[in-house]
Amino acid sequence: MTAICQHADSAADHTALLGRLKRVEGQVRGVAGMIENERYCLDILTQISAIKSALTAVEREVLKSHAGHCVENALASGDIAVQRQKFSELIDVALRRPV
């Protein structure tokens, strides 16, 4: 597996992403508590939907960062092997996603 993309604004990007993920972590703990307390199923499902949306937003930001930095750098490098690797990585991730 390739290391996380390195770029000039990575510290700020990573801080923002980690903040979002900490909120998701709290939401997941909240859902666990709801289940333990036998809360109404639709309330639980609503929270699960919110968690999925939050994770999708994080995924979107990581993908934009990858395309804007790692893929862009690979294209600019002129190295066909690196370009193919980055393209292959994107395809592999896209094919793993549930439809």
C-alpha atoms as a PDB file:
ATOM      1  CA  MET A   1       0.000   0.000   0.000  1.00  0.00           C
ATOM      2  CA  THR A   2       1.238   3.475  -0.863  1.00  0.00           C
ATOM      3  CA  ALA A   3       1.868   6.019   1.899  1.00  0.00           C
ATOM      4  CA  ILE A   4      -0.486   8.974   2.231  1.00  0.00           C
ATOM      5  CA  CYS A   5       0.101  11.650  -0.396  1.00  0.00           C
ATOM      6  CA  GLN A   6       2.551  14.317   0.623  1.00  0.00           C
ATOM      7  CA  HIS A   7       1.809  17.902  -0.383  1.00  0.00           C
ATOM      8  CA  ALA A   8       2.289  21.388   0.948  1.00  0.00           C
ATOM      9  CA  ASP A   9      -1.068  21.746   2.682  1.00  0.00           C
ATOM     10  CA  SER A  10      -1.183  18.202   4.070  1.00  0.00           C
ATOM     11  CA  ALA A  11      -1.018  19.208   7.759  1.00  0.00           C
ATOM     12  CA  ALA A  12      -4.128  21.399   7.491  1.00  0.00           C
ATOM     13  CA  ASP A  13      -5.915  18.817   5.330  1.00  0.00           C
ATOM     14  CA  HIS A  14      -5.086  16.001   7.713  1.00  0.00           C
ATOM     15  CA  THR A  15      -6.187  18.016  10.749  1.00  0.00           C
ATOM     16  CA  ALA A  16      -9.552  18.724   9.128  1.00  0.00           C
ATOM     17  CA  LEU A  17     -10.029  15.091   8.091  1.00  0.00           C
ATOM     18  CA  LEU A  18      -9.077  13.838  11.532  1.00  0.00           C
ATOM     19  CA  GLY A  19     -11.603  16.235  13.067  1.00  0.00           C
ATOM     20  CA  ARG A  20     -14.325  14.865  10.832  1.00  0.00           C
ATOM     21  CA  LEU A  21     -13.360  11.294  11.668  1.00  0.00           C
ATOM     22  CA  LYS A  22     -13.414  12.024  15.408  1.00  0.00           C
ATOM     23  CA  ARG A  23     -16.978  13.304  14.997  1.00  0.00           C
ATOM     24  CA  VAL A  24     -17.885  10.111  13.125  1.00  0.00           C
ATOM     25  CA  GLU A  25     -16.270   8.087  15.909  1.00  0.00           C
ATOM     26  CA  GLY A  26     -18.494   9.888  18.417  1.00  0.00           C
ATOM     27  CA  GLN A  27     -21.551   9.214  16.280  1.00  0.00           C
ATOM     28  CA  VAL A  28     -20.712   5.506  16.139  1.00  0.00           C
ATOM     29  CA  ARG A  29     -20.345   5.385  19.934  1.00  0.00           C
ATOM     30  CA  GLY A  30     -23.685   7.166  20.144  1.00  0.00           C
ATOM     31  CA  VAL A  31     -25.346   4.531  17.966  1.00  0.00           C
ATOM     32  CA  ALA A  32     -23.864   1.782  20.131  1.00  0.00           C
ATOM     33  CA  GLY A  33     -25.387   3.504  23.154  1.00  0.00           C
ATOM     34  CA  MET A  34     -28.720   3.791  21.375  1.00  0.00           C
ATOM     35  CA  ILE A  35     -28.695   0.060  20.707  1.00  0.00           C
ATOM     36  CA  GLU A  36     -27.710  -0.708  24.307  1.00  0.00           C
ATOM     37  CA  ASN A  37     -30.601   1.480  25.486  1.00  0.00           C
ATOM     38  CA  GLU A  38     -32.987  -0.181  23.011  1.00  0.00           C
ATOM     39  CA  ARG A  39     -33.847   3.075  21.275  1.00  0.00           C
ATOM     40  CA  TYR A  40     -36.376   3.208  18.461  1.00  0.00           C
ATOM     41  CA  CYS A  41     -35.061   1.472  15.322  1.00  0.00           C
ATOM     42  CA  LEU A  42     -35.771   4.394  12.994  1.00  0.00           C
ATOM     43  CA  ASP A  43     -33.795   6.733  15.246  1.00  0.00           C
ATOM     44  CA  ILE A  44     -30.861   4.332  15.066  1.00  0.00           C
ATOM     45  CA  LEU A  45     -31.181   4.028  11.289  1.00  0.00           C
ATOM     46  CA  THR A  46     -31.266   7.815  10.971  1.00  0.00           C
ATOM     47  CA  GLN A  47     -27.997   8.067  12.878  1.00  0.00           C
ATOM     48  CA  ILE A  48     -26.413   5.307  10.793  1.00  0.00           C
ATOM     49  CA  SER A  49     -27.398   7.216   7.657  1.00  0.00           C
ATOM     50  CA  ALA A  50     -25.746  10.341   9.055  1.00  0.00           C
ATOM     51  CA  ILE A  51     -22.562   8.356   9.764  1.00  0.00           C
ATOM     52  CA  LYS A  52     -22.494   7.010   6.219  1.00  0.00           C
ATOM     53  CA  SER A  53     -22.932  10.521   4.823  1.00  0.00           C
ATOM     54  CA  ALA A  54     -20.113  11.839   6.998  1.00  0.00           C
ATOM     55  CA  LEU A  55     -17.783   9.044   5.872  1.00  0.00           C
ATOM     56  CA  THR A  56     -18.693   9.701   2.248  1.00  0.00           C
ATOM     57  CA  ALA A  57     -17.727  13.355   2.747  1.00  0.00           C
ATOM     58  CA  VAL A  58     -14.335  12.304   4.170  1.00  0.00           C
ATOM     59  CA  GLU A  59     -13.866   9.874   1.288  1.00  0.00           C
ATOM     60  CA  ARG A  60     -14.666  12.642  -1.213  1.00  0.00           C
ATOM     61  CA  GLU A  61     -12.062  14.958   0.339  1.00  0.00           C
ATOM     62  CA  VAL A  62      -9.360  12.278   0.340  1.00  0.00           C
ATOM     63  CA  LEU A  63     -10.145  11.445  -3.293  1.00  0.00           C
ATOM     64  CA  LYS A  64     -10.008  15.126  -4.293  1.00  0.00           C
ATOM     65  CA  SER A  65      -6.680  15.483  -2.514  1.00  0.00           C
ATOM     66  CA  HIS A  66      -5.314  12.365  -4.185  1.00  0.00           C
ATOM     67  CA  ALA A  67      -6.419  13.516  -7.633  1.00  0.00           C
ATOM     68  CA  GLY A  68      -5.246  17.078  -7.059  1.00  0.00           C
ATOM     69  CA  HIS A  69      -1.816  16.164  -5.810  1.00  0.00           C
ATOM     70  CA  CYS A  70      -0.731  12.554  -6.287  1.00  0.00           C
ATOM     71  CA  VAL A  71      -2.333  11.891  -9.674  1.00  0.00           C
ATOM     72  CA  GLU A  72      -1.478  15.384 -10.907  1.00  0.00           C
ATOM     73  CA  ASN A  73       2.169  14.881  -9.878  1.00  0.00           C
ATOM     74  CA  ALA A  74       2.254  11.505 -11.612  1.00  0.00           C
ATOM     75  CA  LEU A  75       0.937  13.036 -14.823  1.00  0.00           C
ATOM     76  CA  ALA A  76       3.415  15.914 -14.626  1.00  0.00           C
ATOM     77  CA  SER A  77       6.305  13.511 -14.029  1.00  0.00           C
ATOM     78  CA  GLY A  78       6.003  12.021 -17.493  1.00  0.00           C
ATOM     79  CA  ASP A  79       6.788   8.607 -15.965  1.00  0.00           C
ATOM     80  CA  ILE A  80       4.339   6.227 -17.634  1.00  0.00           C
ATOM     81  CA  ALA A  81       4.822   3.550 -14.957  1.00  0.00           C
ATOM     82  CA  VAL A  82       3.930   5.979 -12.157  1.00  0.00           C
ATOM     83  CA  GLN A  83       0.961   7.280 -14.160  1.00  0.00           C
ATOM     84  CA  ARG A  84      -0.335   3.722 -14.666  1.00  0.00           C
ATOM     85  CA  GLN A  85       0.144   2.942 -10.990  1.00  0.00           C
ATOM     86  CA  LYS A  86      -1.897   5.957  -9.875  1.00  0.00           C
ATOM     87  CA  PHE A  87      -4.629   5.196 -12.412  1.00  0.00           C
ATOM     88  CA  SER A  88      -4.691   1.542 -11.327  1.00  0.00           C
ATOM     89  CA  GLU A  89      -5.010   2.586  -7.673  1.00  0.00           C
ATOM     90  CA  LEU A  90      -8.055   4.719  -8.479  1.00  0.00           C
ATOM     91  CA  ILE A  91      -9.691   1.935 -10.464  1.00  0.00           C
ATOM     92  CA  ASP A  92      -9.066  -0.583  -7.668  1.00  0.00           C
ATOM     93  CA  VAL A  93     -10.681   1.720  -5.114  1.00  0.00           C
ATOM     94  CA  ALA A  94     -13.638   2.473  -7.408  1.00  0.00           C
ATOM     95  CA  LEU A  95     -14.291  -1.210  -8.031  1.00  0.00           C
ATOM     96  CA  ARG A  96     -14.242  -2.044  -4.301  1.00  0.00           C
ATOM     97  CA  ARG A  97     -17.048   0.435  -3.560  1.00  0.00           C
ATOM     98  CA  PRO A  98     -20.536  -0.968  -3.062  1.00  0.00           C
ATOM     99  CA  VAL A  99     -23.012   0.136  -5.667  1.00  0.00           C
END
